[in-house]
Amino acid sequence: RAQGACLYLVAGSDRKIRYVGISRNGLKHRWRTSPAFCATTA
């Protein structure tokens, strides 16, 4: 939930880095939880 510019990395259990990204306003602005709807029933 921290605010401010950050660099983030996604690593597997093998420690290989899959993805590198940034957020200007904190991690949760990029890795967010969104309202979700069933793909079948909506």
PDB file of all heavy atoms in Angstrom:
ATOM      1  N   ARG A   1       0.804  -1.224   0.000  1.00  0.00           N
ATOM      2  CA  ARG A   1       0.000   0.000   0.000  1.00  0.00           C
ATOM      3  C   ARG A   1       0.842   1.282   0.000  1.00  0.00           C
ATOM      4  O   ARG A   1       0.286   2.375  -0.051  1.00  0.00           O
ATOM      5  CB  ARG A   1      -0.926   0.004   1.215  1.00  0.00           C
ATOM      6  CG  ARG A   1      -1.940  -1.126   1.202  1.00  0.00           C
ATOM      7  CD  ARG A   1      -2.864  -1.064   2.398  1.00  0.00           C
ATOM      8  NE  ARG A   1      -3.834  -2.150   2.383  1.00  0.00           N
ATOM      9  CZ  ARG A   1      -4.975  -2.121   1.693  1.00  0.00           C
ATOM     10  NH1 ARG A   1      -5.275  -1.055   0.981  1.00  0.00           N
ATOM     11  NH2 ARG A   1      -5.795  -3.145   1.719  1.00  0.00           N
ATOM     12  N   ALA A   2       2.151   1.144   0.049  1.00  0.00           N
ATOM     13  CA  ALA A   2       3.020   2.321   0.118  1.00  0.00           C
ATOM     14  C   ALA A   2       2.865   3.200  -1.116  1.00  0.00           C
ATOM     15  O   ALA A   2       2.630   2.702  -2.226  1.00  0.00           O
ATOM     16  CB  ALA A   2       4.475   1.880   0.271  1.00  0.00           C
ATOM     17  N   GLN A   3       2.987   4.496  -0.918  1.00  0.00           N
ATOM     18  CA  GLN A   3       2.906   5.453  -2.017  1.00  0.00           C
ATOM     19  C   GLN A   3       4.316   5.813  -2.482  1.00  0.00           C
ATOM     20  O   GLN A   3       5.282   5.672  -1.761  1.00  0.00           O
ATOM     21  CB  GLN A   3       2.168   6.711  -1.554  1.00  0.00           C
ATOM     22  CG  GLN A   3       0.761   6.446  -1.042  1.00  0.00           C
ATOM     23  CD  GLN A   3      -0.166   5.946  -2.125  1.00  0.00           C
ATOM     24  OE1 GLN A   3      -0.271   6.541  -3.197  1.00  0.00           O
ATOM     25  NE2 GLN A   3      -0.840   4.834  -1.856  1.00  0.00           N
ATOM     26  N   GLY A   4       4.408   6.305  -3.703  1.00  0.00           N
ATOM     27  CA  GLY A   4       5.698   6.766  -4.206  1.00  0.00           C
ATOM     28  C   GLY A   4       6.276   5.852  -5.269  1.00  0.00           C
ATOM     29  O   GLY A   4       5.834   4.716  -5.460  1.00  0.00           O
ATOM     30  N   ALA A   5       7.283   6.368  -5.948  1.00  0.00           N
ATOM     31  CA  ALA A   5       7.897   5.641  -7.056  1.00  0.00           C
ATOM     32  C   ALA A   5       8.637   4.407  -6.559  1.00  0.00           C
ATOM     33  O   ALA A   5       9.352   4.451  -5.557  1.00  0.00           O
ATOM     34  CB  ALA A   5       8.862   6.555  -7.804  1.00  0.00           C
ATOM     35  N   CYS A   6       8.453   3.297  -7.285  1.00  0.00           N
ATOM     36  CA  CYS A   6       9.152   2.068  -6.919  1.00  0.00           C
ATOM     37  C   CYS A   6       9.442   1.242  -8.174  1.00  0.00           C
ATOM     38  O   CYS A   6       8.775   1.375  -9.201  1.00  0.00           O
ATOM     39  CB  CYS A   6       8.338   1.239  -5.924  1.00  0.00           C
ATOM     40  SG  CYS A   6       6.802   0.554  -6.596  1.00  0.00           S
ATOM     41  N   LEU A   7      10.452   0.415  -8.066  1.00  0.00           N
ATOM     42  CA  LEU A   7      10.766  -0.608  -9.058  1.00  0.00           C
ATOM     43  C   LEU A   7      10.278  -1.928  -8.486  1.00  0.00           C
ATOM     44  O   LEU A   7      10.419  -2.167  -7.282  1.00  0.00           O
ATOM     45  CB  LEU A   7      12.277  -0.678  -9.284  1.00  0.00           C
ATOM     46  CG  LEU A   7      12.783  -1.709 -10.298  1.00  0.00           C
ATOM     47  CD1 LEU A   7      12.641  -1.168 -11.722  1.00  0.00           C
ATOM     48  CD2 LEU A   7      14.249  -2.059 -10.018  1.00  0.00           C
ATOM     49  N   TYR A   8       9.665  -2.770  -9.318  1.00  0.00           N
ATOM     50  CA  TYR A   8       9.250  -4.079  -8.817  1.00  0.00           C
ATOM     51  C   TYR A   8       9.692  -5.176  -9.767  1.00  0.00           C
ATOM     52  O   TYR A   8       9.889  -4.943 -10.971  1.00  0.00           O
ATOM     53  CB  TYR A   8       7.745  -4.135  -8.553  1.00  0.00           C
ATOM     54  CG  TYR A   8       6.864  -3.951  -9.761  1.00  0.00           C
ATOM     55  CD1 TYR A   8       6.462  -5.026 -10.546  1.00  0.00           C
ATOM     56  CD2 TYR A   8       6.398  -2.676 -10.109  1.00  0.00           C
ATOM     57  CE1 TYR A   8       5.640  -4.849 -11.648  1.00  0.00           C
ATOM     58  CE2 TYR A   8       5.584  -2.492 -11.198  1.00  0.00           C
ATOM     59  CZ  TYR A   8       5.203  -3.578 -11.967  1.00  0.00           C
ATOM     60  OH  TYR A   8       4.388  -3.399 -13.064  1.00  0.00           O
ATOM     61  N   LEU A   9       9.915  -6.348  -9.210  1.00  0.00           N
ATOM     62  CA  LEU A   9      10.411  -7.489  -9.962  1.00  0.00           C
ATOM     63  C   LEU A   9       9.561  -8.705  -9.627  1.00  0.00           C
ATOM     64  O   LEU A   9       9.174  -8.892  -8.464  1.00  0.00           O
ATOM     65  CB  LEU A   9      11.880  -7.780  -9.630  1.00  0.00           C
ATOM     66  CG  LEU A   9      12.846  -6.596  -9.729  1.00  0.00           C
ATOM     67  CD1 LEU A   9      13.065  -5.984  -8.343  1.00  0.00           C
ATOM     68  CD2 LEU A   9      14.168  -7.000 -10.331  1.00  0.00           C
ATOM     69  N   VAL A  10       9.281  -9.529 -10.636  1.00  0.00           N
ATOM     70  CA  VAL A  10       8.546 -10.771 -10.450  1.00  0.00           C
ATOM     71  C   VAL A  10       9.525 -11.917 -10.681  1.00  0.00           C
ATOM     72  O   VAL A  10      10.116 -12.024 -11.760  1.00  0.00           O
ATOM     73  CB  VAL A  10       7.365 -10.892 -11.428  1.00  0.00           C
ATOM     74  CG1 VAL A  10       6.595 -12.182 -11.167  1.00  0.00           C
ATOM     75  CG2 VAL A  10       6.451  -9.681 -11.323  1.00  0.00           C
ATOM     76  N   ALA A  11       9.708 -12.737  -9.670  1.00  0.00           N
ATOM     77  CA  ALA A  11      10.649 -13.853  -9.769  1.00  0.00           C
ATOM     78  C   ALA A  11       9.932 -15.160  -9.493  1.00  0.00           C
ATOM     79  O   ALA A  11       8.965 -15.211  -8.735  1.00  0.00           O
ATOM     80  CB  ALA A  11      11.799 -13.673  -8.779  1.00  0.00           C
ATOM     81  N   GLY A  12      10.411 -16.216 -10.129  1.00  0.00           N
ATOM     82  CA  GLY A  12       9.901 -17.547  -9.849  1.00  0.00           C
ATOM     83  C   GLY A  12      10.618 -18.151  -8.663  1.00  0.00           C
ATOM     84  O   GLY A  12      11.554 -17.559  -8.101  1.00  0.00           O
ATOM     85  N   SER A  13      10.221 -19.344  -8.293  1.00  0.00           N
ATOM     86  CA  SER A  13      10.888 -20.024  -7.179  1.00  0.00           C
ATOM     87  C   SER A  13      12.332 -20.369  -7.536  1.00  0.00           C
ATOM     88  O   SER A  13      13.139 -20.641  -6.643  1.00  0.00           O
ATOM     89  CB  SER A  13      10.114 -21.288  -6.801  1.00  0.00           C
ATOM     90  OG  SER A  13       9.923 -22.115  -7.941  1.00  0.00           O
ATOM     91  N   ASP A  14      12.672 -20.332  -8.831  1.00  0.00           N
ATOM     92  CA  ASP A  14      14.046 -20.549  -9.276  1.00  0.00           C
ATOM     93  C   ASP A  14      14.868 -19.265  -9.234  1.00  0.00           C
ATOM     94  O   ASP A  14      16.033 -19.256  -9.641  1.00  0.00           O
ATOM     95  CB  ASP A  14      14.060 -21.121 -10.698  1.00  0.00           C
ATOM     96  CG  ASP A  14      13.279 -20.255 -11.689  1.00  0.00           C
ATOM     97  OD1 ASP A  14      12.847 -19.141 -11.314  1.00  0.00           O
ATOM     98  OD2 ASP A  14      13.091 -20.704 -12.832  1.00  0.00           O
ATOM     99  N   ARG A  15      14.250 -18.162  -8.785  1.00  0.00           N
ATOM    100  CA  ARG A  15      14.860 -16.836  -8.662  1.00  0.00           C
ATOM    101  C   ARG A  15      15.156 -16.186 -10.008  1.00  0.00           C
ATOM    102  O   ARG A  15      15.754 -15.112 -10.062  1.00  0.00           O
ATOM    103  CB  ARG A  15      16.131 -16.853  -7.795  1.00  0.00           C
ATOM    104  CG  ARG A  15      15.830 -16.992  -6.309  1.00  0.00           C
ATOM    105  CD  ARG A  15      17.082 -16.851  -5.466  1.00  0.00           C
ATOM    106  NE  ARG A  15      17.728 -15.549  -5.619  1.00  0.00           N
ATOM    107  CZ  ARG A  15      17.394 -14.445  -4.954  1.00  0.00           C
ATOM    108  NH1 ARG A  15      16.372 -14.479  -4.109  1.00  0.00           N
ATOM    109  NH2 ARG A  15      18.055 -13.322  -5.139  1.00  0.00           N
ATOM    110  N   LYS A  16      14.731 -16.795 -11.097  1.00  0.00           N
ATOM    111  CA  LYS A  16      14.849 -16.116 -12.386  1.00  0.00           C
ATOM    112  C   LYS A  16      13.801 -15.012 -12.438  1.00  0.00           C
ATOM    113  O   LYS A  16      12.644 -15.227 -12.069  1.00  0.00           O
ATOM    114  CB  LYS A  16      14.656 -17.098 -13.533  1.00  0.00           C
ATOM    115  CG  LYS A  16      15.788 -18.118 -13.640  1.00  0.00           C
ATOM    116  CD  LYS A  16      15.572 -19.075 -14.805  1.00  0.00           C
ATOM    117  CE  LYS A  16      16.699 -20.084 -14.885  1.00  0.00           C
ATOM    118  NZ  LYS A  16      16.505 -21.048 -16.016  1.00  0.00           N
ATOM    119  N   ILE A  17      14.210 -13.845 -12.892  1.00  0.00           N
ATOM    120  CA  ILE A  17      13.355 -12.665 -12.876  1.00  0.00           C
ATOM    121  C   ILE A  17      12.538 -12.624 -14.158  1.00  0.00           C
ATOM    122  O   ILE A  17      13.074 -12.413 -15.245  1.00  0.00           O
ATOM    123  CB  ILE A  17      14.197 -11.393 -12.700  1.00  0.00           C
ATOM    124  CG1 ILE A  17      14.919 -11.440 -11.350  1.00  0.00           C
ATOM    125  CG2 ILE A  17      13.321 -10.140 -12.791  1.00  0.00           C
ATOM    126  CD1 ILE A  17      15.980 -10.376 -11.171  1.00  0.00           C
ATOM    127  N   ARG A  18      11.234 -12.839 -14.014  1.00  0.00           N
ATOM    128  CA  ARG A  18      10.354 -12.870 -15.187  1.00  0.00           C
ATOM    129  C   ARG A  18       9.999 -11.484 -15.705  1.00  0.00           C
ATOM    130  O   ARG A  18       9.844 -11.301 -16.899  1.00  0.00           O
ATOM    131  CB  ARG A  18       9.048 -13.586 -14.838  1.00  0.00           C
ATOM    132  CG  ARG A  18       9.006 -15.075 -15.049  1.00  0.00           C
ATOM    133  CD  ARG A  18      10.032 -15.835 -14.285  1.00  0.00           C
ATOM    134  NE  ARG A  18       9.728 -17.276 -14.304  1.00  0.00           N
ATOM    135  CZ  ARG A  18      10.447 -18.177 -13.682  1.00  0.00           C
ATOM    136  NH1 ARG A  18      11.511 -17.804 -12.985  1.00  0.00           N
ATOM    137  NH2 ARG A  18      10.125 -19.460 -13.749  1.00  0.00           N
ATOM    138  N   TYR A  19       9.823 -10.533 -14.810  1.00  0.00           N
ATOM    139  CA  TYR A  19       9.289  -9.230 -15.216  1.00  0.00           C
ATOM    140  C   TYR A  19       9.899  -8.132 -14.351  1.00  0.00           C
ATOM    141  O   TYR A  19      10.134  -8.329 -13.159  1.00  0.00           O
ATOM    142  CB  TYR A  19       7.762  -9.221 -15.071  1.00  0.00           C
ATOM    143  CG  TYR A  19       7.088  -7.995 -15.635  1.00  0.00           C
ATOM    144  CD1 TYR A  19       6.748  -7.926 -16.978  1.00  0.00           C
ATOM    145  CD2 TYR A  19       6.799  -6.900 -14.823  1.00  0.00           C
ATOM    146  CE1 TYR A  19       6.132  -6.790 -17.500  1.00  0.00           C
ATOM    147  CE2 TYR A  19       6.192  -5.765 -15.345  1.00  0.00           C
ATOM    148  CZ  TYR A  19       5.855  -5.727 -16.676  1.00  0.00           C
ATOM    149  OH  TYR A  19       5.250  -4.603 -17.201  1.00  0.00           O
ATOM    150  N   VAL A  20      10.138  -6.988 -14.987  1.00  0.00           N
ATOM    151  CA  VAL A  20      10.616  -5.798 -14.290  1.00  0.00           C
ATOM    152  C   VAL A  20       9.668  -4.662 -14.638  1.00  0.00           C
ATOM    153  O   VAL A  20       9.369  -4.425 -15.814  1.00  0.00           O
ATOM    154  CB  VAL A  20      12.049  -5.428 -14.725  1.00  0.00           C
ATOM    155  CG1 VAL A  20      12.510  -4.165 -14.004  1.00  0.00           C
ATOM    156  CG2 VAL A  20      13.014  -6.582 -14.470  1.00  0.00           C
ATOM    157  N   GLY A  21       9.171  -3.971 -13.629  1.00  0.00           N
ATOM    158  CA  GLY A  21       8.248  -2.878 -13.881  1.00  0.00           C
ATOM    159  C   GLY A  21       8.434  -1.760 -12.877  1.00  0.00           C
ATOM    160  O   GLY A  21       9.215  -1.866 -11.929  1.00  0.00           O
ATOM    161  N   ILE A  22       7.708  -0.681 -13.101  1.00  0.00           N
ATOM    162  CA  ILE A  22       7.745   0.450 -12.175  1.00  0.00           C
ATOM    163  C   ILE A  22       6.321   0.902 -11.889  1.00  0.00           C
ATOM    164  O   ILE A  22       5.392   0.635 -12.653  1.00  0.00           O
ATOM    165  CB  ILE A  22       8.546   1.649 -12.727  1.00  0.00           C
ATOM    166  CG1 ILE A  22       7.891   2.208 -14.002  1.00  0.00           C
ATOM    167  CG2 ILE A  22       9.996   1.284 -12.957  1.00  0.00           C
ATOM    168  CD1 ILE A  22       8.451   3.557 -14.427  1.00  0.00           C
ATOM    169  N   SER A  23       6.176   1.579 -10.782  1.00  0.00           N
ATOM    170  CA  SER A  23       4.944   2.292 -10.482  1.00  0.00           C
ATOM    171  C   SER A  23       5.322   3.663  -9.952  1.00  0.00           C
ATOM    172  O   SER A  23       6.231   3.789  -9.133  1.00  0.00           O
ATOM    173  CB  SER A  23       4.099   1.553  -9.443  1.00  0.00           C
ATOM    174  OG  SER A  23       2.956   2.310  -9.118  1.00  0.00           O
ATOM    175  N   ARG A  24       4.634   4.665 -10.435  1.00  0.00           N
ATOM    176  CA  ARG A  24       4.892   6.024  -9.960  1.00  0.00           C
ATOM    177  C   ARG A  24       4.186   6.297  -8.639  1.00  0.00           C
ATOM    178  O   ARG A  24       4.563   7.193  -7.917  1.00  0.00           O
ATOM    179  CB  ARG A  24       4.437   7.032 -11.010  1.00  0.00           C
ATOM    180  CG  ARG A  24       5.229   6.957 -12.300  1.00  0.00           C
ATOM    181  CD  ARG A  24       4.614   7.807 -13.398  1.00  0.00           C
ATOM    182  NE  ARG A  24       5.454   7.824 -14.590  1.00  0.00           N
ATOM    183  CZ  ARG A  24       5.441   6.863 -15.516  1.00  0.00           C
ATOM    184  NH1 ARG A  24       4.626   5.828 -15.377  1.00  0.00           N
ATOM    185  NH2 ARG A  24       6.237   6.939 -16.564  1.00  0.00           N
ATOM    186  N   ASN A  25       3.163   5.504  -8.335  1.00  0.00           N
ATOM    187  CA  ASN A  25       2.321   5.777  -7.164  1.00  0.00           C
ATOM    188  C   ASN A  25       2.245   4.629  -6.174  1.00  0.00           C
ATOM    189  O   ASN A  25       1.361   4.614  -5.326  1.00  0.00           O
ATOM    190  CB  ASN A  25       0.903   6.133  -7.634  1.00  0.00           C
ATOM    191  CG  ASN A  25       0.880   7.336  -8.541  1.00  0.00           C
ATOM    192  OD1 ASN A  25       1.379   8.401  -8.183  1.00  0.00           O
ATOM    193  ND2 ASN A  25       0.334   7.181  -9.745  1.00  0.00           N
ATOM    194  N   GLY A  26       3.139   3.665  -6.282  1.00  0.00           N
ATOM    195  CA  GLY A  26       3.125   2.541  -5.363  1.00  0.00           C
ATOM    196  C   GLY A  26       2.701   1.251  -6.042  1.00  0.00           C
ATOM    197  O   GLY A  26       2.008   1.251  -7.065  1.00  0.00           O
ATOM    198  N   LEU A  27       3.096   0.139  -5.458  1.00  0.00           N
ATOM    199  CA  LEU A  27       2.917  -1.171  -6.085  1.00  0.00           C
ATOM    200  C   LEU A  27       1.455  -1.515  -6.327  1.00  0.00           C
ATOM    201  O   LEU A  27       1.106  -2.119  -7.347  1.00  0.00           O
ATOM    202  CB  LEU A  27       3.571  -2.244  -5.218  1.00  0.00           C
ATOM    203  CG  LEU A  27       3.623  -3.644  -5.824  1.00  0.00           C
ATOM    204  CD1 LEU A  27       4.543  -3.678  -7.035  1.00  0.00           C
ATOM    205  CD2 LEU A  27       4.083  -4.662  -4.783  1.00  0.00           C
ATOM    206  N   LYS A  28       0.575  -1.148  -5.398  1.00  0.00           N
ATOM    207  CA  LYS A  28      -0.816  -1.562  -5.541  1.00  0.00           C
ATOM    208  C   LYS A  28      -1.515  -0.882  -6.710  1.00  0.00           C
ATOM    209  O   LYS A  28      -2.581  -1.319  -7.139  1.00  0.00           O
ATOM    210  CB  LYS A  28      -1.597  -1.306  -4.245  1.00  0.00           C
ATOM    211  CG  LYS A  28      -2.889  -2.118  -4.193  1.00  0.00           C
ATOM    212  CD  LYS A  28      -3.519  -2.158  -2.829  1.00  0.00           C
ATOM    213  CE  LYS A  28      -4.721  -3.105  -2.842  1.00  0.00           C
ATOM    214  NZ  LYS A  28      -5.397  -3.180  -1.545  1.00  0.00           N
ATOM    215  N   HIS A  29      -0.911   0.148  -7.266  1.00  0.00           N
ATOM    216  CA  HIS A  29      -1.477   0.766  -8.465  1.00  0.00           C
ATOM    217  C   HIS A  29      -1.225  -0.096  -9.690  1.00  0.00           C
ATOM    218  O   HIS A  29      -1.880   0.094 -10.729  1.00  0.00           O
ATOM    219  CB  HIS A  29      -0.901   2.172  -8.674  1.00  0.00           C
ATOM    220  CG  HIS A  29      -1.487   3.193  -7.763  1.00  0.00           C
ATOM    221  ND1 HIS A  29      -2.486   4.051  -8.151  1.00  0.00           N
ATOM    222  CD2 HIS A  29      -1.234   3.473  -6.457  1.00  0.00           C
ATOM    223  CE1 HIS A  29      -2.821   4.826  -7.137  1.00  0.00           C
ATOM    224  NE2 HIS A  29      -2.076   4.498  -6.100  1.00  0.00           N
ATOM    225  N   ARG A  30      -0.275  -1.011  -9.612  1.00  0.00           N
ATOM    226  CA  ARG A  30      -0.018  -1.921 -10.729  1.00  0.00           C
ATOM    227  C   ARG A  30      -0.506  -3.339 -10.432  1.00  0.00           C
ATOM    228  O   ARG A  30      -1.037  -4.014 -11.300  1.00  0.00           O
ATOM    229  CB  ARG A  30       1.486  -1.949 -11.046  1.00  0.00           C
ATOM    230  CG  ARG A  30       2.057  -0.619 -11.487  1.00  0.00           C
ATOM    231  CD  ARG A  30       1.361  -0.034 -12.724  1.00  0.00           C
ATOM    232  NE  ARG A  30       1.218  -0.973 -13.813  1.00  0.00           N
ATOM    233  CZ  ARG A  30       2.181  -1.267 -14.691  1.00  0.00           C
ATOM    234  NH1 ARG A  30       3.368  -0.684 -14.585  1.00  0.00           N
ATOM    235  NH2 ARG A  30       1.962  -2.125 -15.660  1.00  0.00           N
ATOM    236  N   TRP A  31      -0.296  -3.810  -9.221  1.00  0.00           N
ATOM    237  CA  TRP A  31      -0.789  -5.126  -8.780  1.00  0.00           C
ATOM    238  C   TRP A  31      -2.016  -4.867  -7.913  1.00  0.00           C
ATOM    239  O   TRP A  31      -1.946  -4.829  -6.703  1.00  0.00           O
ATOM    240  CB  TRP A  31       0.294  -5.887  -8.019  1.00  0.00           C
ATOM    241  CG  TRP A  31       1.370  -6.374  -8.931  1.00  0.00           C
ATOM    242  CD1 TRP A  31       2.472  -5.699  -9.340  1.00  0.00           C
ATOM    243  CD2 TRP A  31       1.422  -7.650  -9.572  1.00  0.00           C
ATOM    244  NE1 TRP A  31       3.209  -6.468 -10.193  1.00  0.00           N
ATOM    245  CE2 TRP A  31       2.596  -7.677 -10.353  1.00  0.00           C
ATOM    246  CE3 TRP A  31       0.587  -8.778  -9.556  1.00  0.00           C
ATOM    247  CZ2 TRP A  31       2.965  -8.776 -11.120  1.00  0.00           C
ATOM    248  CZ3 TRP A  31       0.951  -9.885 -10.314  1.00  0.00           C
ATOM    249  CH2 TRP A  31       2.122  -9.877 -11.088  1.00  0.00           C
ATOM    250  N   ARG A  32      -3.147  -4.676  -8.579  1.00  0.00           N
ATOM    251  CA  ARG A  32      -4.343  -4.258  -7.867  1.00  0.00           C
ATOM    252  C   ARG A  32      -5.370  -5.380  -7.830  1.00  0.00           C
ATOM    253  O   ARG A  32      -5.312  -6.328  -8.612  1.00  0.00           O
ATOM    254  CB  ARG A  32      -4.954  -3.030  -8.531  1.00  0.00           C
ATOM    255  CG  ARG A  32      -5.449  -3.270  -9.952  1.00  0.00           C
ATOM    256  CD  ARG A  32      -6.039  -1.998 -10.529  1.00  0.00           C
ATOM    257  NE  ARG A  32      -5.039  -0.956 -10.657  1.00  0.00           N
ATOM    258  CZ  ARG A  32      -5.333   0.318 -10.883  1.00  0.00           C
ATOM    259  NH1 ARG A  32      -6.588   0.708 -10.976  1.00  0.00           N
ATOM    260  NH2 ARG A  32      -4.372   1.213 -11.001  1.00  0.00           N
ATOM    261  N   THR A  33      -6.291  -5.252  -6.896  1.00  0.00           N
ATOM    262  CA  THR A  33      -7.442  -6.152  -6.863  1.00  0.00           C
ATOM    263  C   THR A  33      -8.625  -5.419  -7.474  1.00  0.00           C
ATOM    264  O   THR A  33      -8.894  -4.271  -7.129  1.00  0.00           O
ATOM    265  CB  THR A  33      -7.764  -6.603  -5.432  1.00  0.00           C
ATOM    266  OG1 THR A  33      -7.913  -5.459  -4.589  1.00  0.00           O
ATOM    267  CG2 THR A  33      -6.655  -7.499  -4.894  1.00  0.00           C
ATOM    268  N   SER A  34      -9.299  -6.098  -8.409  1.00  0.00           N
ATOM    269  CA  SER A  34     -10.377  -5.474  -9.170  1.00  0.00           C
ATOM    270  C   SER A  34     -11.680  -6.228  -8.989  1.00  0.00           C
ATOM    271  O   SER A  34     -11.678  -7.454  -8.800  1.00  0.00           O
ATOM    272  CB  SER A  34     -10.016  -5.461 -10.662  1.00  0.00           C
ATOM    273  OG  SER A  34      -8.809  -4.793 -10.900  1.00  0.00           O
ATOM    274  N   PRO A  35     -12.820  -5.535  -9.079  1.00  0.00           N
ATOM    275  CA  PRO A  35     -14.102  -6.242  -9.111  1.00  0.00           C
ATOM    276  C   PRO A  35     -14.093  -7.273 -10.234  1.00  0.00           C
ATOM    277  O   PRO A  35     -13.601  -7.016 -11.336  1.00  0.00           O
ATOM    278  CB  PRO A  35     -15.109  -5.117  -9.394  1.00  0.00           C
ATOM    279  CG  PRO A  35     -14.441  -3.876  -8.891  1.00  0.00           C
ATOM    280  CD  PRO A  35     -12.978  -4.074  -9.163  1.00  0.00           C
ATOM    281  N   ALA A  36     -14.611  -8.459  -9.941  1.00  0.00           N
ATOM    282  CA  ALA A  36     -14.537  -9.576 -10.881  1.00  0.00           C
ATOM    283  C   ALA A  36     -15.924 -10.140 -11.139  1.00  0.00           C
ATOM    284  O   ALA A  36     -16.775 -10.190 -10.237  1.00  0.00           O
ATOM    285  CB  ALA A  36     -13.622 -10.665 -10.321  1.00  0.00           C
ATOM    286  N   PHE A  37     -16.120 -10.596 -12.373  1.00  0.00           N
ATOM    287  CA  PHE A  37     -17.404 -11.144 -12.794  1.00  0.00           C
ATOM    288  C   PHE A  37     -17.187 -12.504 -13.440  1.00  0.00           C
ATOM    289  O   PHE A  37     -16.213 -12.698 -14.187  1.00  0.00           O
ATOM    290  CB  PHE A  37     -18.082 -10.191 -13.777  1.00  0.00           C
ATOM    291  CG  PHE A  37     -18.373  -8.844 -13.190  1.00  0.00           C
ATOM    292  CD1 PHE A  37     -17.380  -7.870 -13.135  1.00  0.00           C
ATOM    293  CD2 PHE A  37     -19.611  -8.565 -12.651  1.00  0.00           C
ATOM    294  CE1 PHE A  37     -17.631  -6.628 -12.567  1.00  0.00           C
ATOM    295  CE2 PHE A  37     -19.873  -7.328 -12.074  1.00  0.00           C
ATOM    296  CZ  PHE A  37     -18.880  -6.358 -12.034  1.00  0.00           C
ATOM    297  N   CYS A  38     -18.044 -13.447 -13.140  1.00  0.00           N
ATOM    298  CA  CYS A  38     -17.939 -14.790 -13.708  1.00  0.00           C
ATOM    299  C   CYS A  38     -17.983 -14.694 -15.229  1.00  0.00           C
ATOM    300  O   CYS A  38     -18.884 -14.067 -15.798  1.00  0.00           O
ATOM    301  CB  CYS A  38     -19.071 -15.670 -13.184  1.00  0.00           C
ATOM    302  SG  CYS A  38     -19.097 -17.320 -13.923  1.00  0.00           S
ATOM    303  N   ALA A  39     -17.022 -15.320 -15.900  1.00  0.00           N
ATOM    304  CA  ALA A  39     -16.969 -15.252 -17.360  1.00  0.00           C
ATOM    305  C   ALA A  39     -18.148 -15.957 -18.013  1.00  0.00           C
ATOM    306  O   ALA A  39     -18.505 -15.647 -19.146  1.00  0.00           O
ATOM    307  CB  ALA A  39     -15.657 -15.864 -17.851  1.00  0.00           C
ATOM    308  N   THR A  40     -18.781 -16.886 -17.296  1.00  0.00           N
ATOM    309  CA  THR A  40     -19.901 -17.642 -17.857  1.00  0.00           C
ATOM    310  C   THR A  40     -21.241 -16.972 -17.597  1.00  0.00           C
ATOM    311  O   THR A  40     -22.067 -16.815 -18.502  1.00  0.00           O
ATOM    312  CB  THR A  40     -19.918 -19.068 -17.284  1.00  0.00           C
ATOM    313  OG1 THR A  40     -18.666 -19.694 -17.561  1.00  0.00           O
ATOM    314  CG2 THR A  40     -21.047 -19.886 -17.896  1.00  0.00           C
ATOM    315  N   THR A  41     -21.464 -16.543 -16.356  1.00  0.00           N
ATOM    316  CA  THR A  41     -22.780 -16.013 -15.979  1.00  0.00           C
ATOM    317  C   THR A  41     -22.826 -14.490 -15.897  1.00  0.00           C
ATOM    318  O   THR A  41     -23.909 -13.914 -15.809  1.00  0.00           O
ATOM    319  CB  THR A  41     -23.197 -16.570 -14.613  1.00  0.00           C
ATOM    320  OG1 THR A  41     -22.297 -16.057 -13.601  1.00  0.00           O
ATOM    321  CG2 THR A  41     -23.152 -18.098 -14.612  1.00  0.00           C
ATOM    322  N   ALA A  42     -21.656 -13.849 -15.897  1.00  0.00           N
ATOM    323  CA  ALA A  42     -21.530 -12.392 -15.750  1.00  0.00           C
ATOM    324  C   ALA A  42     -21.932 -11.902 -14.361  1.00  0.00           C
ATOM    325  O   ALA A  42     -22.053 -10.704 -14.131  1.00  0.00           O
ATOM    326  CB  ALA A  42     -22.334 -11.652 -16.818  1.00  0.00           C
TER     327      ALA A  42
END
